[in-house]
């Protein structure tokens, strides 16, 4: 019984490693998703998604750090936010592309020491 538990724990450790936020590729979010917004609305949406990306990236970083120090259960039981990081990065990219295509000013965001991998 102890042998089976050890094998199960080792298996979880191998397969449940959360990626670092900067290693997560953005999802492909089409620019058309934001084509109906004007520059002001795009700026608001951009700032909202940047804040969301910062928060979910911190959660992902924490899950990744927990896995690295030998607590793989953090990503196994809901700590891994890879999908959310990917989607939010994709939204930020789509909004930014829309803003640049329309000649809107991309708002500056507060630079933090978050481990997102994307400069603010």
N, C-alpha and C. Protein backbone atom coordinates (compact mmCIF):
# COMPACT_ATOMS: atom_id res chain seq x y z
N UNK A 1 0.83 -1.20 0.00
CA UNK A 1 0.00 0.00 0.00
C UNK A 1 0.87 1.26 0.00
N UNK A 2 1.89 1.24 0.81
CA UNK A 2 2.80 2.39 0.88
C UNK A 2 3.48 2.60 -0.48
N UNK A 3 3.82 1.52 -1.14
CA UNK A 3 4.46 1.56 -2.45
C UNK A 3 3.55 2.23 -3.48
N UNK A 4 2.29 1.89 -3.47
CA UNK A 4 1.32 2.47 -4.40
C UNK A 4 1.16 3.97 -4.14
N UNK A 5 1.11 4.36 -2.90
CA UNK A 5 0.97 5.77 -2.55
C UNK A 5 2.21 6.55 -3.02
N UNK A 6 3.38 5.97 -2.85
CA UNK A 6 4.62 6.62 -3.28
C UNK A 6 4.63 6.80 -4.80
N UNK A 7 4.22 5.77 -5.53
CA UNK A 7 4.15 5.87 -6.99
C UNK A 7 3.15 6.93 -7.43
N UNK A 8 2.02 6.99 -6.78
CA UNK A 8 1.01 7.99 -7.10
C UNK A 8 1.55 9.40 -6.84
N UNK A 9 2.20 9.60 -5.72
CA UNK A 9 2.76 10.91 -5.38
C UNK A 9 3.83 11.32 -6.39
N UNK A 10 4.68 10.38 -6.80
CA UNK A 10 5.71 10.67 -7.80
C UNK A 10 5.08 11.01 -9.15
N UNK A 11 4.04 10.30 -9.51
CA UNK A 11 3.34 10.57 -10.76
C UNK A 11 2.74 11.96 -10.78
N UNK A 12 2.12 12.35 -9.68
CA UNK A 12 1.55 13.70 -9.59
C UNK A 12 2.64 14.75 -9.67
N UNK A 13 3.76 14.50 -9.05
CA UNK A 13 4.86 15.46 -9.08
C UNK A 13 5.38 15.66 -10.49
N UNK A 14 5.43 14.61 -11.27
CA UNK A 14 5.95 14.70 -12.63
C UNK A 14 4.96 15.40 -13.56
N UNK A 15 3.69 15.11 -13.44
CA UNK A 15 2.71 15.59 -14.40
C UNK A 15 1.99 16.88 -14.00
N UNK A 16 2.27 17.43 -12.85
CA UNK A 16 1.48 18.59 -12.43
C UNK A 16 2.33 19.82 -12.19
N UNK A 17 3.37 19.99 -12.95
CA UNK A 17 4.22 21.16 -12.79
C UNK A 17 3.64 22.35 -13.54
N UNK A 18 3.36 23.40 -12.82
CA UNK A 18 2.81 24.61 -13.43
C UNK A 18 3.92 25.39 -14.12
N UNK A 19 3.60 25.94 -15.30
CA UNK A 19 4.56 26.76 -16.04
C UNK A 19 4.68 28.13 -15.40
N UNK A 20 5.81 28.75 -15.61
CA UNK A 20 6.00 30.15 -15.22
C UNK A 20 5.13 31.01 -16.14
N UNK A 21 4.58 32.12 -15.65
CA UNK A 21 3.71 32.96 -16.47
C UNK A 21 4.37 33.45 -17.76
N UNK A 22 5.67 33.75 -17.71
CA UNK A 22 6.34 34.25 -18.90
C UNK A 22 6.56 33.17 -19.95
N UNK A 23 6.38 31.90 -19.59
CA UNK A 23 6.54 30.79 -20.54
C UNK A 23 5.22 30.41 -21.20
N UNK A 24 4.15 31.06 -20.82
CA UNK A 24 2.83 30.73 -21.35
C UNK A 24 2.55 31.57 -22.59
N UNK A 25 2.18 30.90 -23.66
CA UNK A 25 1.91 31.56 -24.94
C UNK A 25 0.50 32.16 -24.91
N UNK A 26 0.35 33.40 -25.42
CA UNK A 26 -0.98 34.00 -25.46
C UNK A 26 -1.93 33.22 -26.36
N UNK A 27 -3.19 33.16 -25.97
CA UNK A 27 -4.22 32.56 -26.80
C UNK A 27 -4.46 33.46 -28.01
N UNK A 28 -4.94 32.89 -29.07
CA UNK A 28 -5.24 33.66 -30.28
C UNK A 28 -6.63 34.27 -30.15
N UNK A 29 -6.67 35.52 -29.73
CA UNK A 29 -7.93 36.25 -29.60
C UNK A 29 -8.03 37.19 -30.80
N UNK A 30 -9.07 37.07 -31.61
CA UNK A 30 -9.17 37.91 -32.81
C UNK A 30 -9.40 39.39 -32.47
N UNK A 31 -8.79 40.24 -33.28
CA UNK A 31 -8.96 41.69 -33.09
C UNK A 31 -10.43 42.08 -33.20
N UNK A 32 -11.19 41.34 -34.00
CA UNK A 32 -12.60 41.65 -34.23
C UNK A 32 -13.41 41.62 -32.94
N UNK A 33 -12.91 40.93 -31.93
CA UNK A 33 -13.62 40.87 -30.65
C UNK A 33 -13.74 42.25 -30.01
N UNK A 34 -12.86 43.17 -30.40
CA UNK A 34 -12.87 44.51 -29.82
C UNK A 34 -13.06 45.60 -30.87
N UNK A 35 -13.47 45.23 -32.05
CA UNK A 35 -13.57 46.20 -33.15
C UNK A 35 -14.71 47.20 -32.98
N UNK A 36 -15.66 46.90 -32.13
CA UNK A 36 -16.80 47.82 -31.95
C UNK A 36 -16.54 48.88 -30.88
N UNK A 37 -15.35 48.89 -30.28
CA UNK A 37 -15.04 49.84 -29.21
C UNK A 37 -14.25 51.03 -29.73
N UNK A 38 -14.54 52.21 -29.18
CA UNK A 38 -13.76 53.40 -29.54
C UNK A 38 -12.49 53.44 -28.70
N UNK A 39 -11.65 54.42 -28.93
CA UNK A 39 -10.35 54.51 -28.25
C UNK A 39 -10.50 54.55 -26.73
N UNK A 40 -11.46 55.32 -26.24
CA UNK A 40 -11.64 55.44 -24.79
C UNK A 40 -12.07 54.10 -24.18
N UNK A 41 -12.99 53.42 -24.82
CA UNK A 41 -13.45 52.12 -24.33
C UNK A 41 -12.33 51.08 -24.42
N UNK A 42 -11.54 51.13 -25.49
CA UNK A 42 -10.40 50.23 -25.63
C UNK A 42 -9.39 50.46 -24.51
N UNK A 43 -9.15 51.71 -24.18
CA UNK A 43 -8.21 52.03 -23.10
C UNK A 43 -8.69 51.48 -21.77
N UNK A 44 -9.99 51.63 -21.49
CA UNK A 44 -10.55 51.08 -20.25
C UNK A 44 -10.40 49.56 -20.21
N UNK A 45 -10.74 48.92 -21.33
CA UNK A 45 -10.66 47.46 -21.42
C UNK A 45 -9.21 47.00 -21.29
N UNK A 46 -8.30 47.73 -21.90
CA UNK A 46 -6.88 47.40 -21.83
C UNK A 46 -6.38 47.44 -20.38
N UNK A 47 -6.72 48.49 -19.67
CA UNK A 47 -6.29 48.61 -18.27
C UNK A 47 -6.91 47.53 -17.40
N UNK A 48 -8.17 47.20 -17.67
CA UNK A 48 -8.85 46.13 -16.91
C UNK A 48 -8.16 44.80 -17.15
N UNK A 49 -7.87 44.48 -18.41
CA UNK A 49 -7.24 43.20 -18.73
C UNK A 49 -5.80 43.15 -18.23
N UNK A 50 -5.09 44.27 -18.24
CA UNK A 50 -3.73 44.31 -17.69
C UNK A 50 -3.76 43.99 -16.19
N UNK A 51 -4.73 44.56 -15.47
CA UNK A 51 -4.86 44.28 -14.03
C UNK A 51 -5.20 42.81 -13.80
N UNK A 52 -6.08 42.28 -14.63
CA UNK A 52 -6.45 40.87 -14.53
C UNK A 52 -5.24 39.98 -14.82
N UNK A 53 -4.46 40.34 -15.84
CA UNK A 53 -3.27 39.57 -16.18
C UNK A 53 -2.26 39.59 -15.05
N UNK A 54 -2.10 40.72 -14.43
CA UNK A 54 -1.17 40.81 -13.30
C UNK A 54 -1.60 39.89 -12.16
N UNK A 55 -2.89 39.89 -11.85
CA UNK A 55 -3.40 39.08 -10.74
C UNK A 55 -3.28 37.59 -11.04
N UNK A 56 -3.70 37.17 -12.23
CA UNK A 56 -3.67 35.75 -12.56
C UNK A 56 -2.23 35.27 -12.76
N UNK A 57 -1.35 36.15 -13.22
CA UNK A 57 0.06 35.79 -13.36
C UNK A 57 0.70 35.56 -12.01
N UNK A 58 0.31 36.35 -11.02
CA UNK A 58 0.83 36.15 -9.67
C UNK A 58 0.38 34.80 -9.13
N UNK A 59 -0.88 34.45 -9.35
CA UNK A 59 -1.38 33.14 -8.91
C UNK A 59 -0.63 32.02 -9.61
N UNK A 60 -0.38 32.18 -10.92
CA UNK A 60 0.36 31.17 -11.67
C UNK A 60 1.80 31.07 -11.17
N UNK A 61 2.41 32.21 -10.90
CA UNK A 61 3.78 32.21 -10.38
C UNK A 61 3.83 31.48 -9.04
N UNK A 62 2.85 31.72 -8.19
CA UNK A 62 2.80 31.04 -6.89
C UNK A 62 2.65 29.53 -7.07
N UNK A 63 1.81 29.11 -8.01
CA UNK A 63 1.63 27.68 -8.27
C UNK A 63 2.92 27.07 -8.80
N UNK A 64 3.57 27.79 -9.68
CA UNK A 64 4.82 27.31 -10.26
C UNK A 64 5.91 27.20 -9.19
N UNK A 65 5.98 28.19 -8.33
CA UNK A 65 6.96 28.18 -7.25
C UNK A 65 6.67 27.04 -6.28
N UNK A 66 5.39 26.82 -5.98
CA UNK A 66 5.01 25.73 -5.10
C UNK A 66 5.41 24.39 -5.67
N UNK A 67 5.23 24.22 -6.98
CA UNK A 67 5.62 22.97 -7.63
C UNK A 67 7.13 22.79 -7.58
N UNK A 68 7.87 23.89 -7.78
CA UNK A 68 9.33 23.81 -7.83
C UNK A 68 9.93 23.43 -6.48
N UNK A 69 9.28 23.83 -5.39
CA UNK A 69 9.83 23.52 -4.07
C UNK A 69 9.26 22.24 -3.49
N UNK A 70 8.57 21.48 -4.33
CA UNK A 70 8.14 20.16 -3.89
C UNK A 70 6.72 20.07 -3.39
N UNK A 71 5.87 21.00 -3.77
CA UNK A 71 4.46 20.93 -3.39
C UNK A 71 3.63 20.87 -4.66
N UNK A 72 3.74 19.77 -5.43
CA UNK A 72 3.05 19.69 -6.72
C UNK A 72 1.54 19.71 -6.60
N UNK A 73 1.02 19.52 -5.44
CA UNK A 73 -0.43 19.52 -5.27
C UNK A 73 -1.01 20.91 -5.52
N UNK A 74 -0.19 21.96 -5.44
CA UNK A 74 -0.71 23.31 -5.65
C UNK A 74 -1.27 23.47 -7.06
N UNK A 75 -0.60 22.91 -8.06
CA UNK A 75 -1.13 23.02 -9.42
C UNK A 75 -2.18 21.95 -9.70
N UNK A 76 -2.07 20.82 -9.05
CA UNK A 76 -3.03 19.74 -9.27
C UNK A 76 -4.42 20.12 -8.79
N UNK A 77 -4.50 20.81 -7.69
CA UNK A 77 -5.79 21.14 -7.10
C UNK A 77 -6.18 22.60 -7.27
N UNK A 78 -6.10 23.10 -8.49
CA UNK A 78 -6.65 24.41 -8.81
C UNK A 78 -5.70 25.58 -8.79
N UNK A 79 -4.44 25.39 -8.43
CA UNK A 79 -3.51 26.49 -8.40
C UNK A 79 -3.00 26.89 -9.77
N UNK A 80 -3.00 25.95 -10.72
CA UNK A 80 -2.48 26.21 -12.05
C UNK A 80 -3.49 27.04 -12.84
N UNK A 81 -3.08 28.21 -13.28
CA UNK A 81 -3.95 29.15 -14.01
C UNK A 81 -3.47 29.36 -15.44
N UNK A 82 -2.81 28.35 -16.02
CA UNK A 82 -2.22 28.49 -17.35
C UNK A 82 -3.23 28.95 -18.39
N UNK A 83 -4.41 28.37 -18.40
CA UNK A 83 -5.44 28.74 -19.37
C UNK A 83 -5.87 30.19 -19.22
N UNK A 84 -6.03 30.63 -17.98
CA UNK A 84 -6.45 32.01 -17.74
C UNK A 84 -5.35 32.99 -18.14
N UNK A 85 -4.09 32.65 -17.85
CA UNK A 85 -2.99 33.52 -18.23
C UNK A 85 -2.94 33.64 -19.76
N UNK A 86 -3.05 32.51 -20.44
CA UNK A 86 -3.01 32.49 -21.90
C UNK A 86 -4.13 33.34 -22.51
N UNK A 87 -5.33 33.15 -22.02
CA UNK A 87 -6.47 33.90 -22.55
C UNK A 87 -6.33 35.40 -22.28
N UNK A 88 -5.92 35.75 -21.08
CA UNK A 88 -5.79 37.17 -20.74
C UNK A 88 -4.67 37.82 -21.54
N UNK A 89 -3.56 37.11 -21.73
CA UNK A 89 -2.49 37.65 -22.59
C UNK A 89 -3.02 37.88 -24.00
N UNK A 90 -3.82 36.95 -24.50
CA UNK A 90 -4.39 37.09 -25.83
C UNK A 90 -5.31 38.29 -25.94
N UNK A 91 -6.12 38.51 -24.90
CA UNK A 91 -7.01 39.68 -24.89
C UNK A 91 -6.21 40.98 -24.90
N UNK A 92 -5.18 41.04 -24.07
CA UNK A 92 -4.33 42.24 -24.02
C UNK A 92 -3.71 42.50 -25.39
N UNK A 93 -3.21 41.45 -26.03
CA UNK A 93 -2.61 41.61 -27.35
C UNK A 93 -3.62 42.09 -28.38
N UNK A 94 -4.84 41.53 -28.35
CA UNK A 94 -5.88 41.92 -29.31
C UNK A 94 -6.31 43.37 -29.10
N UNK A 95 -6.46 43.76 -27.86
CA UNK A 95 -6.85 45.15 -27.57
C UNK A 95 -5.76 46.11 -28.01
N UNK A 96 -4.51 45.76 -27.68
CA UNK A 96 -3.39 46.62 -28.06
C UNK A 96 -3.27 46.74 -29.58
N UNK A 97 -3.46 45.64 -30.29
CA UNK A 97 -3.41 45.67 -31.76
C UNK A 97 -4.52 46.56 -32.33
N UNK A 98 -5.72 46.47 -31.74
CA UNK A 98 -6.83 47.34 -32.15
C UNK A 98 -6.49 48.80 -31.93
N UNK A 99 -5.91 49.09 -30.77
CA UNK A 99 -5.57 50.47 -30.45
C UNK A 99 -4.54 51.02 -31.43
N UNK A 100 -3.53 50.23 -31.73
CA UNK A 100 -2.48 50.68 -32.65
C UNK A 100 -3.04 50.84 -34.06
N UNK A 101 -3.92 49.94 -34.48
CA UNK A 101 -4.51 50.02 -35.82
C UNK A 101 -5.38 51.26 -35.98
N UNK A 102 -6.00 51.70 -34.91
CA UNK A 102 -6.87 52.87 -34.96
C UNK A 102 -6.14 54.16 -34.65
N UNK A 103 -4.87 54.07 -34.26
CA UNK A 103 -4.11 55.26 -33.92
C UNK A 103 -4.39 55.76 -32.52
N UNK A 104 -4.93 54.91 -31.66
CA UNK A 104 -5.21 55.28 -30.27
C UNK A 104 -3.91 55.22 -29.47
N UNK A 105 -3.85 55.99 -28.43
CA UNK A 105 -2.72 55.92 -27.51
C UNK A 105 -2.91 54.72 -26.59
N UNK A 106 -1.90 53.89 -26.49
CA UNK A 106 -1.94 52.76 -25.57
C UNK A 106 -1.59 53.29 -24.19
N UNK A 107 -2.50 53.14 -23.22
CA UNK A 107 -2.23 53.71 -21.89
C UNK A 107 -1.05 53.02 -21.21
N UNK A 108 -0.29 53.81 -20.51
CA UNK A 108 0.81 53.26 -19.72
C UNK A 108 0.22 52.60 -18.49
N UNK A 109 0.79 51.49 -18.13
CA UNK A 109 0.34 50.81 -16.93
C UNK A 109 1.42 50.92 -15.88
N UNK A 110 1.04 50.76 -14.64
CA UNK A 110 1.98 50.86 -13.54
C UNK A 110 2.94 49.68 -13.62
N UNK A 111 4.22 49.96 -13.61
CA UNK A 111 5.21 48.91 -13.69
C UNK A 111 5.38 48.30 -12.32
N UNK A 112 5.18 46.98 -12.28
CA UNK A 112 5.35 46.25 -11.03
C UNK A 112 6.39 45.18 -11.22
N UNK A 113 6.76 44.53 -10.17
CA UNK A 113 7.73 43.46 -10.26
C UNK A 113 7.03 42.13 -10.42
N UNK A 114 5.91 42.13 -11.16
CA UNK A 114 5.17 40.89 -11.37
C UNK A 114 5.91 40.01 -12.36
N UNK A 115 5.79 38.71 -12.22
CA UNK A 115 6.50 37.78 -13.06
C UNK A 115 5.73 37.38 -14.31
N UNK A 116 5.13 38.35 -14.98
CA UNK A 116 4.27 38.05 -16.11
C UNK A 116 5.05 37.73 -17.36
N UNK A 117 6.18 38.31 -17.53
CA UNK A 117 6.93 38.07 -18.75
C UNK A 117 6.61 39.07 -19.84
N UNK A 118 5.61 39.92 -19.62
CA UNK A 118 5.31 40.94 -20.60
C UNK A 118 5.57 42.29 -19.96
N UNK A 119 6.34 43.15 -20.60
CA UNK A 119 6.63 44.45 -20.02
C UNK A 119 5.38 45.30 -19.92
N UNK A 120 5.36 46.10 -18.89
CA UNK A 120 4.22 47.00 -18.69
C UNK A 120 4.59 48.41 -19.05
